[in-house]
C-alpha atoms as a PDB file:
ATOM      1  CA  UNK A   1      -2.541 -73.791-120.691  1.00  0.00           C
ATOM      2  CA  UNK A   2       0.881 -74.942-121.869  1.00  0.00           C
ATOM      3  CA  UNK A   3       0.770 -72.493-124.761  1.00  0.00           C
ATOM      4  CA  UNK A   4      -0.061 -69.626-122.414  1.00  0.00           C
ATOM      5  CA  UNK A   5       2.820 -70.564-120.108  1.00  0.00           C
ATOM      6  CA  UNK A   6       5.191 -70.770-123.061  1.00  0.00           C
ATOM      7  CA  UNK A   7       4.047 -67.364-124.223  1.00  0.00           C
ATOM      8  CA  UNK A   8       4.582 -65.889-120.762  1.00  0.00           C
ATOM      9  CA  UNK A   9       8.090 -67.319-120.699  1.00  0.00           C
ATOM     10  CA  UNK A  10       8.826 -65.812-124.097  1.00  0.00           C
ATOM     11  CA  UNK A  11       7.496 -62.452-122.931  1.00  0.00           C
ATOM     12  CA  UNK A  12      10.016 -62.575-120.088  1.00  0.00           C
ATOM     13  CA  UNK A  13      12.918 -63.805-122.170  1.00  0.00           C
ATOM     14  CA  UNK A  14      16.030 -61.730-122.683  1.00  0.00           C
ATOM     15  CA  UNK A  15      17.691 -62.809-125.939  1.00  0.00           C
ATOM     16  CA  UNK A  16      20.983 -61.218-124.921  1.00  0.00           C
ATOM     17  CA  UNK A  17      21.214 -63.789-122.093  1.00  0.00           C
ATOM     18  CA  UNK A  18      20.907 -66.867-124.302  1.00  0.00           C
ATOM     19  CA  UNK A  19      24.587 -67.107-125.187  1.00  0.00           C
ATOM     20  CA  UNK A  20      25.653 -66.392-121.594  1.00  0.00           C
ATOM     21  CA  UNK A  21      23.342 -69.067-120.148  1.00  0.00           C
ATOM     22  CA  UNK A  22      24.274 -71.599-122.818  1.00  0.00           C
ATOM     23  CA  UNK A  23      27.932 -71.158-121.943  1.00  0.00           C
ATOM     24  CA  UNK A  24      27.382 -71.086-118.170  1.00  0.00           C
ATOM     25  CA  UNK A  25      25.358 -74.304-118.197  1.00  0.00           C
ATOM     26  CA  UNK A  26      27.819 -76.107-120.475  1.00  0.00           C
ATOM     27  CA  UNK A  27      25.662 -76.844-123.503  1.00  0.00           C
ATOM     28  CA  UNK A  28      28.529 -77.228-125.982  1.00  0.00           C
ATOM     29  CA  UNK A  29      29.540 -80.412-127.758  1.00  0.00           C
ATOM     30  CA  UNK A  30      30.849 -82.990-125.305  1.00  0.00           C
ATOM     31  CA  UNK A  31      29.808 -80.940-122.264  1.00  0.00           C
ATOM     32  CA  UNK A  32      27.444 -82.186-119.558  1.00  0.00           C
ATOM     33  CA  UNK A  33      24.397 -80.340-120.945  1.00  0.00           C
ATOM     34  CA  UNK A  34      25.158 -80.727-124.630  1.00  0.00           C
ATOM     35  CA  UNK A  35      22.260 -79.526-126.766  1.00  0.00           C
ATOM     36  CA  UNK A  36      20.227 -77.895-123.979  1.00  0.00           C
ATOM     37  CA  UNK A  37      18.380 -74.866-125.361  1.00  0.00           C
ATOM     38  CA  UNK A  38      17.804 -71.573-123.551  1.00  0.00           C
ATOM     39  CA  UNK A  39      15.505 -68.655-124.303  1.00  0.00           C
ATOM     40  CA  UNK A  40      16.948 -66.282-121.708  1.00  0.00           C
ATOM     41  CA  UNK A  41      14.449 -66.245-118.805  1.00  0.00           C
ATOM     42  CA  UNK A  42      15.957 -65.556-115.382  1.00  0.00           C
ATOM     43  CA  UNK A  43      14.951 -67.596-112.330  1.00  0.00           C
ATOM     44  CA  UNK A  44      13.004 -64.858-110.462  1.00  0.00           C
ATOM     45  CA  UNK A  45      10.784 -64.293-113.504  1.00  0.00           C
ATOM     46  CA  UNK A  46      10.331 -68.024-113.952  1.00  0.00           C
ATOM     47  CA  UNK A  47       9.288 -68.330-110.307  1.00  0.00           C
ATOM     48  CA  UNK A  48       6.632 -65.657-110.799  1.00  0.00           C
ATOM     49  CA  UNK A  49       5.235 -67.486-113.804  1.00  0.00           C
ATOM     50  CA  UNK A  50       5.253 -70.792-111.925  1.00  0.00           C
ATOM     51  CA  UNK A  51       3.341 -69.206-109.061  1.00  0.00           C
ATOM     52  CA  UNK A  52       0.820 -67.735-111.498  1.00  0.00           C
ATOM     53  CA  UNK A  53       0.203 -71.157-113.061  1.00  0.00           C
ATOM     54  CA  UNK A  54       0.582 -73.338-109.973  1.00  0.00           C
ATOM     55  CA  UNK A  55      -2.754 -75.000-110.770  1.00  0.00           C
ATOM     56  CA  UNK A  56      -1.537 -76.297-114.136  1.00  0.00           C
ATOM     57  CA  UNK A  57      -2.670 -79.867-114.781  1.00  0.00           C
ATOM     58  CA  UNK A  58      -0.351 -82.831-115.263  1.00  0.00           C
ATOM     59  CA  UNK A  59      -0.878 -82.921-119.015  1.00  0.00           C
ATOM     60  CA  UNK A  60       0.554 -79.403-119.160  1.00  0.00           C
ATOM     61  CA  UNK A  61       3.412 -80.314-116.827  1.00  0.00           C
ATOM     62  CA  UNK A  62       4.201 -83.368-118.946  1.00  0.00           C
ATOM     63  CA  UNK A  63       4.514 -81.147-122.013  1.00  0.00           C
ATOM     64  CA  UNK A  64       6.745 -78.652-120.221  1.00  0.00           C
ATOM     65  CA  UNK A  65       9.053 -81.063-118.419  1.00  0.00           C
ATOM     66  CA  UNK A  66       9.784 -82.963-121.640  1.00  0.00           C
ATOM     67  CA  UNK A  67      10.474 -79.756-123.578  1.00  0.00           C
ATOM     68  CA  UNK A  68      13.885 -79.170-125.185  1.00  0.00           C
ATOM     69  CA  UNK A  69      13.706 -75.635-123.727  1.00  0.00           C
ATOM     70  CA  UNK A  70      15.522 -75.411-120.395  1.00  0.00           C
ATOM     71  CA  UNK A  71      13.298 -72.700-118.926  1.00  0.00           C
ATOM     72  CA  UNK A  72      10.148 -74.664-119.760  1.00  0.00           C
ATOM     73  CA  UNK A  73      11.463 -77.682-117.865  1.00  0.00           C
ATOM     74  CA  UNK A  74      12.419 -75.428-114.967  1.00  0.00           C
ATOM     75  CA  UNK A  75       8.965 -73.855-114.952  1.00  0.00           C
ATOM     76  CA  UNK A  76       7.372 -77.311-114.723  1.00  0.00           C
ATOM     77  CA  UNK A  77       9.576 -78.152-111.739  1.00  0.00           C
ATOM     78  CA  UNK A  78       8.858 -74.850-110.000  1.00  0.00           C
ATOM     79  CA  UNK A  79       5.127 -75.464-110.502  1.00  0.00           C
ATOM     80  CA  UNK A  80       5.537 -78.922-108.973  1.00  0.00           C
ATOM     81  CA  UNK A  81       7.221 -77.365-105.942  1.00  0.00           C
ATOM     82  CA  UNK A  82       4.329 -74.913-105.637  1.00  0.00           C
ATOM     83  CA  UNK A  83       1.840 -77.761-105.847  1.00  0.00           C
ATOM     84  CA  UNK A  84       3.721 -79.895-103.342  1.00  0.00           C
ATOM     85  CA  UNK A  85       3.705 -77.128-100.753  1.00  0.00           C
ATOM     86  CA  UNK A  86      -0.116 -77.069-100.768  1.00  0.00           C
ATOM     87  CA  UNK A  87      -0.826 -80.742-101.455  1.00  0.00           C
ATOM     88  CA  UNK A  88      -2.426 -83.393 -99.266  1.00  0.00           C
ATOM     89  CA  UNK A  89      -0.764 -86.778 -98.773  1.00  0.00           C
ATOM     90  CA  UNK A  90      -2.190 -88.408-101.906  1.00  0.00           C
ATOM     91  CA  UNK A  91      -1.285 -85.449-104.089  1.00  0.00           C
ATOM     92  CA  UNK A  92       2.250 -85.378-102.671  1.00  0.00           C
ATOM     93  CA  UNK A  93       2.606 -89.034-103.601  1.00  0.00           C
ATOM     94  CA  UNK A  94       1.486 -88.228-107.133  1.00  0.00           C
ATOM     95  CA  UNK A  95       3.927 -85.319-107.438  1.00  0.00           C
ATOM     96  CA  UNK A  96       6.779 -87.441-106.105  1.00  0.00           C
ATOM     97  CA  UNK A  97       6.008 -90.262-108.551  1.00  0.00           C
ATOM     98  CA  UNK A  98       5.759 -87.782-111.427  1.00  0.00           C
ATOM     99  CA  UNK A  99       9.142 -86.331-110.426  1.00  0.00           C
ATOM    100  CA  UNK A 100      10.856 -89.722-110.350  1.00  0.00           C
ATOM    101  CA  UNK A 101       9.307 -90.643-113.694  1.00  0.00           C
ATOM    102  CA  UNK A 102      11.000 -87.628-115.264  1.00  0.00           C
ATOM    103  CA  UNK A 103      14.489 -87.654-113.766  1.00  0.00           C
ATOM    104  CA  UNK A 104      15.952 -87.925-117.280  1.00  0.00           C
ATOM    105  CA  UNK A 105      14.427 -84.500-117.978  1.00  0.00           C
ATOM    106  CA  UNK A 106      15.783 -82.967-114.752  1.00  0.00           C
ATOM    107  CA  UNK A 107      19.083 -82.764-116.532  1.00  0.00           C
ATOM    108  CA  UNK A 108      21.023 -79.753-115.344  1.00  0.00           C
ATOM    109  CA  UNK A 109      22.288 -78.761-111.930  1.00  0.00           C
ATOM    110  CA  UNK A 110      19.895 -75.842-111.440  1.00  0.00           C
ATOM    111  CA  UNK A 111      16.909 -78.037-112.311  1.00  0.00           C
ATOM    112  CA  UNK A 112      18.016 -80.486-109.625  1.00  0.00           C
ATOM    113  CA  UNK A 113      18.936 -77.914-106.993  1.00  0.00           C
ATOM    114  CA  UNK A 114      15.722 -75.900-107.292  1.00  0.00           C
ATOM    115  CA  UNK A 115      13.460 -78.944-107.007  1.00  0.00           C
ATOM    116  CA  UNK A 116      15.014 -82.029-105.385  1.00  0.00           C
ATOM    117  CA  UNK A 117      15.119 -80.814-101.748  1.00  0.00           C
ATOM    118  CA  UNK A 118      11.582 -79.424-101.920  1.00  0.00           C
ATOM    119  CA  UNK A 119       9.989 -82.504-103.482  1.00  0.00           C
ATOM    120  CA  UNK A 120      12.157 -85.575-102.857  1.00  0.00           C
ATOM    121  CA  UNK A 121      13.652 -84.338 -99.608  1.00  0.00           C
ATOM    122  CA  UNK A 122      10.386 -83.053 -98.186  1.00  0.00           C
ATOM    123  CA  UNK A 123       8.483 -86.162 -99.250  1.00  0.00           C
ATOM    124  CA  UNK A 124      10.992 -88.629 -97.816  1.00  0.00           C
ATOM    125  CA  UNK A 125      11.737 -86.883 -94.525  1.00  0.00           C
ATOM    126  CA  UNK A 126       9.717 -89.376 -92.477  1.00  0.00           C
ATOM    127  CA  UNK A 127       9.633 -92.184 -95.039  1.00  0.00           C
ATOM    128  CA  UNK A 128      11.833 -94.964 -96.366  1.00  0.00           C
ATOM    129  CA  UNK A 129      14.773 -93.353 -98.158  1.00  0.00           C
ATOM    130  CA  UNK A 130      15.928 -96.372-100.155  1.00  0.00           C
ATOM    131  CA  UNK A 131      15.156 -94.593-103.424  1.00  0.00           C
ATOM    132  CA  UNK A 132      17.852 -91.985-102.686  1.00  0.00           C
ATOM    133  CA  UNK A 133      20.431 -94.716-102.170  1.00  0.00           C
ATOM    134  CA  UNK A 134      19.351 -96.317-105.435  1.00  0.00           C
ATOM    135  CA  UNK A 135      19.730 -92.983-107.226  1.00  0.00           C
ATOM    136  CA  UNK A 136      23.179 -92.547-105.671  1.00  0.00           C
ATOM    137  CA  UNK A 137      24.272 -95.715-107.492  1.00  0.00           C
ATOM    138  CA  UNK A 138      22.797 -94.604-110.821  1.00  0.00           C
ATOM    139  CA  UNK A 139      24.827 -94.232-114.005  1.00  0.00           C
ATOM    140  CA  UNK A 140      22.884 -91.015-114.587  1.00  0.00           C
ATOM    141  CA  UNK A 141      24.763 -87.947-113.368  1.00  0.00           C
ATOM    142  CA  UNK A 142      21.592 -86.037-112.527  1.00  0.00           C
ATOM    143  CA  UNK A 143      20.035 -88.878-110.546  1.00  0.00           C
ATOM    144  CA  UNK A 144      23.192 -89.026-108.445  1.00  0.00           C
ATOM    145  CA  UNK A 145      22.991 -85.271-107.867  1.00  0.00           C
ATOM    146  CA  UNK A 146      19.301 -85.601-106.926  1.00  0.00           C
ATOM    147  CA  UNK A 147      20.252 -88.223-104.332  1.00  0.00           C
ATOM    148  CA  UNK A 148      22.651 -85.972-102.422  1.00  0.00           C
ATOM    149  CA  UNK A 149      20.970 -82.587-102.937  1.00  0.00           C
ATOM    150  CA  UNK A 150      17.630 -83.980-101.724  1.00  0.00           C
ATOM    151  CA  UNK A 151      19.224 -84.381 -98.305  1.00  0.00           C
ATOM    152  CA  UNK A 152      19.333 -80.595 -97.939  1.00  0.00           C
ATOM    153  CA  UNK A 153      15.801 -80.885 -96.566  1.00  0.00           C
ATOM    154  CA  UNK A 154      16.929 -83.423 -93.965  1.00  0.00           C
ATOM    155  CA  UNK A 155      19.836 -81.183 -92.971  1.00  0.00           C
ATOM    156  CA  UNK A 156      17.486 -78.279 -92.368  1.00  0.00           C
ATOM    157  CA  UNK A 157      15.566 -80.517 -89.980  1.00  0.00           C
ATOM    158  CA  UNK A 158      18.762 -81.533 -88.174  1.00  0.00           C
ATOM    159  CA  UNK A 159      18.894 -85.023 -89.644  1.00  0.00           C
ATOM    160  CA  UNK A 160      22.370 -85.610 -91.044  1.00  0.00           C
ATOM    161  CA  UNK A 161      22.738 -89.385 -91.297  1.00  0.00           C
ATOM    162  CA  UNK A 162      21.581 -89.752 -94.897  1.00  0.00           C
ATOM    163  CA  UNK A 163      23.768 -86.876 -96.085  1.00  0.00           C
ATOM    164  CA  UNK A 164      26.805 -88.589 -94.593  1.00  0.00           C
ATOM    165  CA  UNK A 165      25.834 -91.997 -95.948  1.00  0.00           C
ATOM    166  CA  UNK A 166      25.162 -90.794 -99.479  1.00  0.00           C
ATOM    167  CA  UNK A 167      28.275 -88.602 -99.529  1.00  0.00           C
ATOM    168  CA  UNK A 168      30.216 -91.733 -98.596  1.00  0.00           C
ATOM    169  CA  UNK A 169      28.664 -93.659-101.491  1.00  0.00           C
ATOM    170  CA  UNK A 170      29.600 -90.805-103.840  1.00  0.00           C
ATOM    171  CA  UNK A 171      33.001 -90.220-102.256  1.00  0.00           C
ATOM    172  CA  UNK A 172      34.998 -91.182-105.328  1.00  0.00           C
ATOM    173  CA  UNK A 173      32.585 -89.977-108.007  1.00  0.00           C
ATOM    174  CA  UNK A 174      34.638 -88.569-110.860  1.00  0.00           C
ATOM    175  CA  UNK A 175      32.238 -85.831-111.957  1.00  0.00           C
ATOM    176  CA  UNK A 176      32.910 -82.402-110.503  1.00  0.00           C
ATOM    177  CA  UNK A 177      29.182 -81.641-110.279  1.00  0.00           C
ATOM    178  CA  UNK A 178      28.811 -84.529-107.851  1.00  0.00           C
ATOM    179  CA  UNK A 179      31.952 -83.593-105.960  1.00  0.00           C
ATOM    180  CA  UNK A 180      30.696 -80.018-105.600  1.00  0.00           C
ATOM    181  CA  UNK A 181      27.222 -81.152-104.518  1.00  0.00           C
ATOM    182  CA  UNK A 182      28.629 -83.529-101.892  1.00  0.00           C
ATOM    183  CA  UNK A 183      30.975 -80.864-100.576  1.00  0.00           C
ATOM    184  CA  UNK A 184      28.113 -78.394-100.427  1.00  0.00           C
ATOM    185  CA  UNK A 185      25.879 -80.785 -98.467  1.00  0.00           C
ATOM    186  CA  UNK A 186      28.726 -81.698 -96.111  1.00  0.00           C
ATOM    187  CA  UNK A 187      29.355 -78.001 -95.489  1.00  0.00           C
ATOM    188  CA  UNK A 188      25.663 -77.478 -94.705  1.00  0.00           C
ATOM    189  CA  UNK A 189      25.691 -80.500 -92.393  1.00  0.00           C
ATOM    190  CA  UNK A 190      28.674 -78.973 -90.611  1.00  0.00           C
ATOM    191  CA  UNK A 191      26.681 -75.830 -89.931  1.00  0.00           C
ATOM    192  CA  UNK A 192      24.176 -77.966 -88.032  1.00  0.00           C
ATOM    193  CA  UNK A 193      26.703 -80.171 -86.264  1.00  0.00           C
ATOM    194  CA  UNK A 194      30.386 -79.408 -86.679  1.00  0.00           C
ATOM    195  CA  UNK A 195      31.408 -82.677 -85.048  1.00  0.00           C
ATOM    196  CA  UNK A 196      29.620 -84.636 -87.772  1.00  0.00           C
ATOM    197  CA  UNK A 197      31.582 -82.841 -90.466  1.00  0.00           C
ATOM    198  CA  UNK A 198      34.887 -83.152 -88.594  1.00  0.00           C
ATOM    199  CA  UNK A 199      34.322 -86.870 -88.099  1.00  0.00           C
ATOM    200  CA  UNK A 200      33.731 -87.301 -91.835  1.00  0.00           C
ATOM    201  CA  UNK A 201      36.822 -85.250 -92.700  1.00  0.00           C
ATOM    202  CA  UNK A 202      39.008 -87.141 -90.247  1.00  0.00           C
ATOM    203  CA  UNK A 203      37.995 -90.376 -91.921  1.00  0.00           C
ATOM    204  CA  UNK A 204      37.980 -89.378 -95.582  1.00  0.00           C
ATOM    205  CA  UNK A 205      39.811 -86.081 -96.207  1.00  0.00           C
ATOM    206  CA  UNK A 206      43.003 -87.838 -97.317  1.00  0.00           C
ATOM    207  CA  UNK A 207      41.209 -89.708-100.118  1.00  0.00           C
ATOM    208  CA  UNK A 208      38.177 -87.575-101.066  1.00  0.00           C
ATOM    209  CA  UNK A 209      38.384 -85.506-104.272  1.00  0.00           C
ATOM    210  CA  UNK A 210      40.012 -82.130-103.737  1.00  0.00           C
ATOM    211  CA  UNK A 211      36.961 -80.303-105.093  1.00  0.00           C
ATOM    212  CA  UNK A 212      34.676 -82.037-102.601  1.00  0.00           C
ATOM    213  CA  UNK A 213      37.079 -81.290 -99.787  1.00  0.00           C
ATOM    214  CA  UNK A 214      37.388 -77.596-100.672  1.00  0.00           C
ATOM    215  CA  UNK A 215      33.613 -77.162-100.755  1.00  0.00           C
ATOM    216  CA  UNK A 216      33.094 -79.042 -97.484  1.00  0.00           C
ATOM    217  CA  UNK A 217      35.624 -77.007 -95.469  1.00  0.00           C
ATOM    218  CA  UNK A 218      34.753 -73.616 -96.934  1.00  0.00           C
ATOM    219  CA  UNK A 219      33.165 -72.284 -93.714  1.00  0.00           C
ATOM    220  CA  UNK A 220      35.766 -73.661 -91.321  1.00  0.00           C
ATOM    221  CA  UNK A 221      38.448 -71.431 -89.814  1.00  0.00           C
ATOM    222  CA  UNK A 222      41.683 -70.890 -91.718  1.00  0.00           C
ATOM    223  CA  UNK A 223      43.780 -73.156 -89.517  1.00  0.00           C
ATOM    224  CA  UNK A 224      41.338 -76.053 -89.771  1.00  0.00           C
ATOM    225  CA  UNK A 225      41.047 -75.649 -93.534  1.00  0.00           C
ATOM    226  CA  UNK A 226      44.844 -75.740 -93.843  1.00  0.00           C
ATOM    227  CA  UNK A 227      45.020 -78.859 -91.668  1.00  0.00           C
ATOM    228  CA  UNK A 228      42.696 -80.836 -93.931  1.00  0.00           C
ATOM    229  CA  UNK A 229      44.177 -79.563 -97.187  1.00  0.00           C
ATOM    230  CA  UNK A 230      47.613 -80.743 -96.040  1.00  0.00           C
ATOM    231  CA  UNK A 231      46.256 -84.278 -95.671  1.00  0.00           C
ATOM    232  CA  UNK A 232      45.774 -84.565 -99.414  1.00  0.00           C
END
């Protein structure tokens, strides 16, 4: 099946997009995704293929998620999301374990953002969340992003504590992809409960990275945004 999926991806590839995607996702020497390879498949087309092959077995998913081709890894993750949505408890455990086994292959921000909330977040909603705190302390950039972006699922359910806790752990992370992700999750938390966001900003806005701050206050009114920016 893996060969059929790869062929379907190639059929939907747009070679003119390869250079654009390679630049956008920072694949150059010394950049965060150095060496990542694209074939030019857009996300909507990849989603359609993932839905078509949502019954792919784990041998196939193993081949795809360890591929040097970005869109093949994304397809594997989108298939896992499809599977998770229909899975029973035991199968969800298997998907979650498979996901954690392959965090080193979930190595770009779109791969994290399109999978972590829907697998890690959904799986851990009513379970022990220690693994997210462990990932937040990881030396691996993408594991740290998984830890905070997974909490999007909790936010949607009105549970904000873990977002705040993990954002605090990552408060002084030097990578802008973590700063942006934390700011994004804080902004989303603020949509659910403005007081939670304001409390966080009152405590940390004078020391948090400017990028994180800008993302977190993006939806606040102009006067409030100005107030917190002046604290920096």
